[in-house]
Amino acid sequence: TKLRLKVPEIEEKDNSVLVIIKHEKLASPEE
């Protein structure tokens, strides 16, 4: 939040917990 980025998302799957940390697009120039 201090860096004005979205807070992490948490998903509970069948046998695991997934934390997704989104940030500004780390796009390669080529892409």
PDB file of all heavy atoms in Angstrom:
ATOM      1  N   THR A   1       0.834  -1.204   0.000  1.00  0.00           N
ATOM      2  CA  THR A   1       0.000   0.000   0.000  1.00  0.00           C
ATOM      3  C   THR A   1       0.869   1.255   0.000  1.00  0.00           C
ATOM      4  O   THR A   1       0.561   2.245  -0.676  1.00  0.00           O
ATOM      5  CB  THR A   1      -0.929   0.004   1.229  1.00  0.00           C
ATOM      6  OG1 THR A   1      -1.738  -1.175   1.203  1.00  0.00           O
ATOM      7  CG2 THR A   1      -1.831   1.224   1.232  1.00  0.00           C
ATOM      8  N   LYS A   2       1.960   1.246   0.754  1.00  0.00           N
ATOM      9  CA  LYS A   2       2.853   2.411   0.821  1.00  0.00           C
ATOM     10  C   LYS A   2       3.452   2.741  -0.538  1.00  0.00           C
ATOM     11  O   LYS A   2       3.757   3.901  -0.831  1.00  0.00           O
ATOM     12  CB  LYS A   2       3.959   2.153   1.839  1.00  0.00           C
ATOM     13  CG  LYS A   2       3.479   2.223   3.282  1.00  0.00           C
ATOM     14  CD  LYS A   2       4.597   1.873   4.256  1.00  0.00           C
ATOM     15  CE  LYS A   2       4.081   1.867   5.689  1.00  0.00           C
ATOM     16  NZ  LYS A   2       5.136   1.438   6.655  1.00  0.00           N
ATOM     17  N   LEU A   3       3.653   1.727  -1.364  1.00  0.00           N
ATOM     18  CA  LEU A   3       4.189   1.959  -2.709  1.00  0.00           C
ATOM     19  C   LEU A   3       3.077   2.136  -3.736  1.00  0.00           C
ATOM     20  O   LEU A   3       3.320   2.137  -4.937  1.00  0.00           O
ATOM     21  CB  LEU A   3       5.091   0.784  -3.133  1.00  0.00           C
ATOM     22  CG  LEU A   3       6.488   0.749  -2.510  1.00  0.00           C
ATOM     23  CD1 LEU A   3       7.283  -0.405  -3.069  1.00  0.00           C
ATOM     24  CD2 LEU A   3       7.231   2.057  -2.755  1.00  0.00           C
ATOM     25  N   ARG A   4       1.839   2.257  -3.255  1.00  0.00           N
ATOM     26  CA  ARG A   4       0.671   2.445  -4.123  1.00  0.00           C
ATOM     27  C   ARG A   4       0.535   1.284  -5.117  1.00  0.00           C
ATOM     28  O   ARG A   4       0.228   1.481  -6.287  1.00  0.00           O
ATOM     29  CB  ARG A   4       0.743   3.792  -4.843  1.00  0.00           C
ATOM     30  CG  ARG A   4       0.839   4.980  -3.887  1.00  0.00           C
ATOM     31  CD  ARG A   4       0.857   6.312  -4.622  1.00  0.00           C
ATOM     32  NE  ARG A   4      -0.381   6.530  -5.349  1.00  0.00           N
ATOM     33  CZ  ARG A   4      -1.497   6.988  -4.807  1.00  0.00           C
ATOM     34  NH1 ARG A   4      -1.534   7.245  -3.506  1.00  0.00           N
ATOM     35  NH2 ARG A   4      -2.578   7.179  -5.528  1.00  0.00           N
ATOM     36  N   LEU A   5       0.781   0.099  -4.605  1.00  0.00           N
ATOM     37  CA  LEU A   5       0.594  -1.120  -5.389  1.00  0.00           C
ATOM     38  C   LEU A   5      -0.585  -1.893  -4.798  1.00  0.00           C
ATOM     39  O   LEU A   5      -0.918  -1.732  -3.629  1.00  0.00           O
ATOM     40  CB  LEU A   5       1.852  -1.993  -5.346  1.00  0.00           C
ATOM     41  CG  LEU A   5       3.112  -1.391  -5.960  1.00  0.00           C
ATOM     42  CD1 LEU A   5       4.310  -2.285  -5.660  1.00  0.00           C
ATOM     43  CD2 LEU A   5       2.954  -1.210  -7.462  1.00  0.00           C
ATOM     44  N   LYS A   6      -1.185  -2.721  -5.605  1.00  0.00           N
ATOM     45  CA  LYS A   6      -2.303  -3.529  -5.118  1.00  0.00           C
ATOM     46  C   LYS A   6      -1.818  -4.507  -4.059  1.00  0.00           C
ATOM     47  O   LYS A   6      -0.725  -5.054  -4.158  1.00  0.00           O
ATOM     48  CB  LYS A   6      -2.946  -4.305  -6.276  1.00  0.00           C
ATOM     49  CG  LYS A   6      -3.713  -3.425  -7.249  1.00  0.00           C
ATOM     50  CD  LYS A   6      -4.394  -4.273  -8.313  1.00  0.00           C
ATOM     51  CE  LYS A   6      -5.203  -3.398  -9.255  1.00  0.00           C
ATOM     52  NZ  LYS A   6      -5.870  -4.212 -10.317  1.00  0.00           N
ATOM     53  N   VAL A   7      -2.671  -4.739  -3.045  1.00  0.00           N
ATOM     54  CA  VAL A   7      -2.297  -5.695  -2.011  1.00  0.00           C
ATOM     55  C   VAL A   7      -2.322  -7.098  -2.602  1.00  0.00           C
ATOM     56  O   VAL A   7      -3.008  -7.366  -3.592  1.00  0.00           O
ATOM     57  CB  VAL A   7      -3.252  -5.608  -0.793  1.00  0.00           C
ATOM     58  CG1 VAL A   7      -3.164  -4.249  -0.144  1.00  0.00           C
ATOM     59  CG2 VAL A   7      -4.684  -5.942  -1.189  1.00  0.00           C
ATOM     60  N   PRO A   8      -1.569  -8.027  -2.016  1.00  0.00           N
ATOM     61  CA  PRO A   8      -1.533  -9.404  -2.538  1.00  0.00           C
ATOM     62  C   PRO A   8      -2.913 -10.057  -2.521  1.00  0.00           C
ATOM     63  O   PRO A   8      -3.771  -9.736  -1.690  1.00  0.00           O
ATOM     64  CB  PRO A   8      -0.578 -10.117  -1.573  1.00  0.00           C
ATOM     65  CG  PRO A   8       0.279  -9.023  -1.015  1.00  0.00           C
ATOM     66  CD  PRO A   8      -0.616  -7.830  -0.903  1.00  0.00           C
ATOM     67  N   GLU A   9      -3.099 -10.964  -3.455  1.00  0.00           N
ATOM     68  CA  GLU A   9      -4.330 -11.762  -3.505  1.00  0.00           C
ATOM     69  C   GLU A   9      -4.015 -13.157  -2.968  1.00  0.00           C
ATOM     70  O   GLU A   9      -2.940 -13.693  -3.216  1.00  0.00           O
ATOM     71  CB  GLU A   9      -4.857 -11.864  -4.935  1.00  0.00           C
ATOM     72  CG  GLU A   9      -5.257 -10.535  -5.544  1.00  0.00           C
ATOM     73  CD  GLU A   9      -5.686 -10.678  -6.996  1.00  0.00           C
ATOM     74  OE1 GLU A   9      -5.723 -11.835  -7.489  1.00  0.00           O
ATOM     75  OE2 GLU A   9      -5.951  -9.643  -7.646  1.00  0.00           O
ATOM     76  N   ILE A  10      -4.980 -13.733  -2.244  1.00  0.00           N
ATOM     77  CA  ILE A  10      -4.784 -15.061  -1.662  1.00  0.00           C
ATOM     78  C   ILE A  10      -5.846 -16.000  -2.207  1.00  0.00           C
ATOM     79  O   ILE A  10      -7.033 -15.699  -2.168  1.00  0.00           O
ATOM     80  CB  ILE A  10      -4.857 -14.999  -0.123  1.00  0.00           C
ATOM     81  CG1 ILE A  10      -3.735 -14.101   0.413  1.00  0.00           C
ATOM     82  CG2 ILE A  10      -4.752 -16.398   0.481  1.00  0.00           C
ATOM     83  CD1 ILE A  10      -3.808 -13.836   1.893  1.00  0.00           C
ATOM     84  N   GLU A  11      -5.410 -17.129  -2.727  1.00  0.00           N
ATOM     85  CA  GLU A  11      -6.328 -18.154  -3.232  1.00  0.00           C
ATOM     86  C   GLU A  11      -6.053 -19.465  -2.511  1.00  0.00           C
ATOM     87  O   GLU A  11      -4.893 -19.839  -2.326  1.00  0.00           O
ATOM     88  CB  GLU A  11      -6.143 -18.372  -4.744  1.00  0.00           C
ATOM     89  CG  GLU A  11      -6.487 -17.170  -5.604  1.00  0.00           C
ATOM     90  CD  GLU A  11      -6.283 -17.454  -7.079  1.00  0.00           C
ATOM     91  OE1 GLU A  11      -6.025 -18.639  -7.430  1.00  0.00           O
ATOM     92  OE2 GLU A  11      -6.357 -16.504  -7.882  1.00  0.00           O
ATOM     93  N   GLU A  12      -7.122 -20.143  -2.097  1.00  0.00           N
ATOM     94  CA  GLU A  12      -6.967 -21.466  -1.500  1.00  0.00           C
ATOM     95  C   GLU A  12      -7.358 -22.502  -2.531  1.00  0.00           C
ATOM     96  O   GLU A  12      -8.490 -22.538  -3.003  1.00  0.00           O
ATOM     97  CB  GLU A  12      -7.828 -21.599  -0.240  1.00  0.00           C
ATOM     98  CG  GLU A  12      -7.549 -22.888   0.526  1.00  0.00           C
ATOM     99  CD  GLU A  12      -8.259 -22.937   1.863  1.00  0.00           C
ATOM    100  OE1 GLU A  12      -9.282 -22.253   2.017  1.00  0.00           O
ATOM    101  OE2 GLU A  12      -7.793 -23.663   2.747  1.00  0.00           O
ATOM    102  N   LYS A  13      -6.402 -23.333  -2.912  1.00  0.00           N
ATOM    103  CA  LYS A  13      -6.640 -24.391  -3.890  1.00  0.00           C
ATOM    104  C   LYS A  13      -6.903 -25.705  -3.160  1.00  0.00           C
ATOM    105  O   LYS A  13      -6.992 -25.735  -1.932  1.00  0.00           O
ATOM    106  CB  LYS A  13      -5.449 -24.480  -4.832  1.00  0.00           C
ATOM    107  CG  LYS A  13      -5.132 -23.122  -5.494  1.00  0.00           C
ATOM    108  CD  LYS A  13      -3.856 -23.148  -6.284  1.00  0.00           C
ATOM    109  CE  LYS A  13      -4.064 -23.718  -7.666  1.00  0.00           C
ATOM    110  NZ  LYS A  13      -2.869 -23.593  -8.523  1.00  0.00           N
ATOM    111  N   ASP A  14      -7.021 -26.803  -3.897  1.00  0.00           N
ATOM    112  CA  ASP A  14      -7.352 -28.088  -3.278  1.00  0.00           C
ATOM    113  C   ASP A  14      -6.344 -28.514  -2.228  1.00  0.00           C
ATOM    114  O   ASP A  14      -6.708 -29.014  -1.171  1.00  0.00           O
ATOM    115  CB  ASP A  14      -7.471 -29.184  -4.354  1.00  0.00           C
ATOM    116  CG  ASP A  14      -8.737 -29.034  -5.178  1.00  0.00           C
ATOM    117  OD1 ASP A  14      -9.648 -28.301  -4.738  1.00  0.00           O
ATOM    118  OD2 ASP A  14      -8.809 -29.646  -6.257  1.00  0.00           O
ATOM    119  N   ASN A  15      -5.052 -28.328  -2.529  1.00  0.00           N
ATOM    120  CA  ASN A  15      -4.012 -28.789  -1.607  1.00  0.00           C
ATOM    121  C   ASN A  15      -2.903 -27.762  -1.398  1.00  0.00           C
ATOM    122  O   ASN A  15      -1.787 -28.124  -1.040  1.00  0.00           O
ATOM    123  CB  ASN A  15      -3.392 -30.102  -2.116  1.00  0.00           C
ATOM    124  CG  ASN A  15      -4.338 -31.274  -1.996  1.00  0.00           C
ATOM    125  OD1 ASN A  15      -4.755 -31.630  -0.904  1.00  0.00           O
ATOM    126  ND2 ASN A  15      -4.687 -31.872  -3.123  1.00  0.00           N
ATOM    127  N   SER A  16      -3.213 -26.500  -1.620  1.00  0.00           N
ATOM    128  CA  SER A  16      -2.186 -25.476  -1.463  1.00  0.00           C
ATOM    129  C   SER A  16      -2.814 -24.107  -1.273  1.00  0.00           C
ATOM    130  O   SER A  16      -4.009 -23.912  -1.497  1.00  0.00           O
ATOM    131  CB  SER A  16      -1.254 -25.458  -2.689  1.00  0.00           C
ATOM    132  OG  SER A  16      -1.972 -25.076  -3.851  1.00  0.00           O
ATOM    133  N   VAL A  17      -1.978 -23.162  -0.861  1.00  0.00           N
ATOM    134  CA  VAL A  17      -2.379 -21.759  -0.756  1.00  0.00           C
ATOM    135  C   VAL A  17      -1.492 -20.962  -1.702  1.00  0.00           C
ATOM    136  O   VAL A  17      -0.262 -21.087  -1.677  1.00  0.00           O
ATOM    137  CB  VAL A  17      -2.226 -21.235   0.690  1.00  0.00           C
ATOM    138  CG1 VAL A  17      -2.524 -19.743   0.738  1.00  0.00           C
ATOM    139  CG2 VAL A  17      -3.150 -21.984   1.635  1.00  0.00           C
ATOM    140  N   LEU A  18      -2.132 -20.162  -2.537  1.00  0.00           N
ATOM    141  CA  LEU A  18      -1.415 -19.374  -3.530  1.00  0.00           C
ATOM    142  C   LEU A  18      -1.550 -17.889  -3.188  1.00  0.00           C
ATOM    143  O   LEU A  18      -2.655 -17.387  -3.023  1.00  0.00           O
ATOM    144  CB  LEU A  18      -1.987 -19.638  -4.928  1.00  0.00           C
ATOM    145  CG  LEU A  18      -1.421 -18.812  -6.076  1.00  0.00           C
ATOM    146  CD1 LEU A  18       0.048 -19.148  -6.302  1.00  0.00           C
ATOM    147  CD2 LEU A  18      -2.222 -19.034  -7.357  1.00  0.00           C
ATOM    148  N   VAL A  19      -0.407 -17.206  -3.055  1.00  0.00           N
ATOM    149  CA  VAL A  19      -0.399 -15.761  -2.839  1.00  0.00           C
ATOM    150  C   VAL A  19       0.126 -15.100  -4.115  1.00  0.00           C
ATOM    151  O   VAL A  19       1.217 -15.435  -4.596  1.00  0.00           O
ATOM    152  CB  VAL A  19       0.488 -15.371  -1.642  1.00  0.00           C
ATOM    153  CG1 VAL A  19       0.437 -13.857  -1.432  1.00  0.00           C
ATOM    154  CG2 VAL A  19       0.034 -16.085  -0.378  1.00  0.00           C
ATOM    155  N   ILE A  20      -0.664 -14.187  -4.671  1.00  0.00           N
ATOM    156  CA  ILE A  20      -0.298 -13.498  -5.912  1.00  0.00           C
ATOM    157  C   ILE A  20       0.041 -12.050  -5.578  1.00  0.00           C
ATOM    158  O   ILE A  20      -0.794 -11.311  -5.066  1.00  0.00           O
ATOM    159  CB  ILE A  20      -1.452 -13.555  -6.931  1.00  0.00           C
ATOM    160  CG1 ILE A  20      -1.857 -15.011  -7.195  1.00  0.00           C
ATOM    161  CG2 ILE A  20      -1.045 -12.872  -8.231  1.00  0.00           C
ATOM    162  CD1 ILE A  20      -3.113 -15.152  -8.020  1.00  0.00           C
ATOM    163  N   ILE A  21       1.284 -11.674  -5.848  1.00  0.00           N
ATOM    164  CA  ILE A  21       1.756 -10.318  -5.560  1.00  0.00           C
ATOM    165  C   ILE A  21       1.856  -9.586  -6.894  1.00  0.00           C
ATOM    166  O   ILE A  21       2.795  -9.805  -7.669  1.00  0.00           O
ATOM    167  CB  ILE A  21       3.128 -10.348  -4.873  1.00  0.00           C
ATOM    168  CG1 ILE A  21       3.144 -11.374  -3.740  1.00  0.00           C
ATOM    169  CG2 ILE A  21       3.486  -8.970  -4.332  1.00  0.00           C
ATOM    170  CD1 ILE A  21       4.540 -11.735  -3.270  1.00  0.00           C
ATOM    171  N   LYS A  22       0.889  -8.743  -7.172  1.00  0.00           N
ATOM    172  CA  LYS A  22       0.882  -8.024  -8.447  1.00  0.00           C
ATOM    173  C   LYS A  22       1.668  -6.725  -8.313  1.00  0.00           C
ATOM    174  O   LYS A  22       1.726  -6.115  -7.253  1.00  0.00           O
ATOM    175  CB  LYS A  22      -0.547  -7.731  -8.877  1.00  0.00           C
ATOM    176  CG  LYS A  22      -1.347  -8.983  -9.211  1.00  0.00           C
ATOM    177  CD  LYS A  22      -2.719  -8.639  -9.725  1.00  0.00           C
ATOM    178  CE  LYS A  22      -3.480  -9.896 -10.126  1.00  0.00           C
ATOM    179  NZ  LYS A  22      -4.844  -9.608 -10.620  1.00  0.00           N
ATOM    180  N   HIS A  23       2.278  -6.313  -9.431  1.00  0.00           N
ATOM    181  CA  HIS A  23       3.033  -5.062  -9.441  1.00  0.00           C
ATOM    182  C   HIS A  23       2.953  -4.473 -10.833  1.00  0.00           C
ATOM    183  O   HIS A  23       2.330  -5.042 -11.724  1.00  0.00           O
ATOM    184  CB  HIS A  23       4.480  -5.287  -9.018  1.00  0.00           C
ATOM    185  CG  HIS A  23       5.109  -6.512  -9.629  1.00  0.00           C
ATOM    186  ND1 HIS A  23       5.398  -6.617 -10.960  1.00  0.00           N
ATOM    187  CD2 HIS A  23       5.465  -7.693  -9.072  1.00  0.00           C
ATOM    188  CE1 HIS A  23       5.927  -7.799 -11.207  1.00  0.00           C
ATOM    189  NE2 HIS A  23       5.980  -8.485 -10.075  1.00  0.00           N
ATOM    190  N   GLU A  24       3.569  -3.316 -11.024  1.00  0.00           N
ATOM    191  CA  GLU A  24       3.585  -2.724 -12.356  1.00  0.00           C
ATOM    192  C   GLU A  24       4.193  -3.715 -13.339  1.00  0.00           C
ATOM    193  O   GLU A  24       5.110  -4.456 -12.991  1.00  0.00           O
ATOM    194  CB  GLU A  24       4.392  -1.423 -12.345  1.00  0.00           C
ATOM    195  CG  GLU A  24       3.724  -0.320 -11.538  1.00  0.00           C
ATOM    196  CD  GLU A  24       4.513   0.974 -11.581  1.00  0.00           C
ATOM    197  OE1 GLU A  24       5.531   1.008 -12.323  1.00  0.00           O
ATOM    198  OE2 GLU A  24       4.138   1.909 -10.886  1.00  0.00           O
ATOM    199  N   LYS A  25       3.682  -3.684 -14.507  1.00  0.00           N
ATOM    200  CA  LYS A  25       4.077  -4.678 -15.502  1.00  0.00           C
ATOM    201  C   LYS A  25       5.584  -4.686 -15.720  1.00  0.00           C
ATOM    202  O   LYS A  25       6.183  -3.685 -16.080  1.00  0.00           O
ATOM    203  CB  LYS A  25       3.379  -4.384 -16.825  1.00  0.00           C
ATOM    204  CG  LYS A  25       3.673  -5.381 -17.929  1.00  0.00           C
ATOM    205  CD  LYS A  25       2.898  -4.991 -19.168  1.00  0.00           C
ATOM    206  CE  LYS A  25       3.292  -5.863 -20.347  1.00  0.00           C
ATOM    207  NZ  LYS A  25       2.906  -7.251 -20.206  1.00  0.00           N
ATOM    208  N   LEU A  26       6.197  -5.835 -15.460  1.00  0.00           N
ATOM    209  CA  LEU A  26       7.641  -5.974 -15.692  1.00  0.00           C
ATOM    210  C   LEU A  26       7.867  -6.473 -17.115  1.00  0.00           C
ATOM    211  O   LEU A  26       8.411  -7.533 -17.348  1.00  0.00           O
ATOM    212  CB  LEU A  26       8.247  -6.974 -14.699  1.00  0.00           C
ATOM    213  CG  LEU A  26       8.028  -6.668 -13.217  1.00  0.00           C
ATOM    214  CD1 LEU A  26       8.682  -7.720 -12.365  1.00  0.00           C
ATOM    215  CD2 LEU A  26       8.588  -5.306 -12.884  1.00  0.00           C
ATOM    216  N   ALA A  27       7.411  -5.664 -18.080  1.00  0.00           N
ATOM    217  CA  ALA A  27       7.446  -6.122 -19.461  1.00  0.00           C
ATOM    218  C   ALA A  27       8.828  -5.937 -20.064  1.00  0.00           C
ATOM    219  O   ALA A  27       9.473  -4.914 -19.877  1.00  0.00           O
ATOM    220  CB  ALA A  27       6.422  -5.365 -20.296  1.00  0.00           C
ATOM    221  N   SER A  28       9.266  -6.911 -20.814  1.00  0.00           N
ATOM    222  CA  SER A  28      10.517  -6.775 -21.556  1.00  0.00           C
ATOM    223  C   SER A  28      10.239  -5.895 -22.773  1.00  0.00           C
ATOM    224  O   SER A  28       9.146  -5.950 -23.353  1.00  0.00           O
ATOM    225  CB  SER A  28      11.020  -8.141 -22.005  1.00  0.00           C
ATOM    226  OG  SER A  28      10.095  -8.719 -22.899  1.00  0.00           O
ATOM    227  N   PRO A  29      11.189  -5.047 -23.176  1.00  0.00           N
ATOM    228  CA  PRO A  29      10.982  -4.199 -24.361  1.00  0.00           C
ATOM    229  C   PRO A  29      10.618  -5.024 -25.595  1.00  0.00           C
ATOM    230  O   PRO A  29       9.766  -4.626 -26.391  1.00  0.00           O
ATOM    231  CB  PRO A  29      12.343  -3.510 -24.545  1.00  0.00           C
ATOM    232  CG  PRO A  29      12.953  -3.523 -23.183  1.00  0.00           C
ATOM    233  CD  PRO A  29      12.483  -4.803 -22.541  1.00  0.00           C
ATOM    234  N   GLU A  30      11.252  -6.173 -25.744  1.00  0.00           N
ATOM    235  CA  GLU A  30      10.984  -7.004 -26.918  1.00  0.00           C
ATOM    236  C   GLU A  30       9.512  -7.404 -26.991  1.00  0.00           C
ATOM    237  O   GLU A  30       8.892  -7.398 -28.055  1.00  0.00           O
ATOM    238  CB  GLU A  30      11.856  -8.267 -26.877  1.00  0.00           C
ATOM    239  CG  GLU A  30      13.347  -8.001 -26.994  1.00  0.00           C
ATOM    240  CD  GLU A  30      14.012  -7.794 -25.640  1.00  0.00           C
ATOM    241  OE1 GLU A  30      13.272  -7.546 -24.663  1.00  0.00           O
ATOM    242  OE2 GLU A  30      15.247  -7.866 -25.566  1.00  0.00           O
ATOM    243  N   GLU A  31       8.944  -7.772 -25.833  1.00  0.00           N
ATOM    244  CA  GLU A  31       7.559  -8.249 -25.818  1.00  0.00           C
ATOM    245  C   GLU A  31       6.596  -7.153 -26.262  1.00  0.00           C
ATOM    246  O   GLU A  31       5.667  -7.389 -27.025  1.00  0.00           O
ATOM    247  CB  GLU A  31       7.196  -8.734 -24.416  1.00  0.00           C
ATOM    248  CG  GLU A  31       5.809  -9.366 -24.344  1.00  0.00           C
ATOM    249  CD  GLU A  31       5.476  -9.892 -22.966  1.00  0.00           C
ATOM    250  OE1 GLU A  31       6.233  -9.609 -22.021  1.00  0.00           O
ATOM    251  OE2 GLU A  31       4.449 -10.582 -22.842  1.00  0.00           O
TER     252      GLU A  31
END
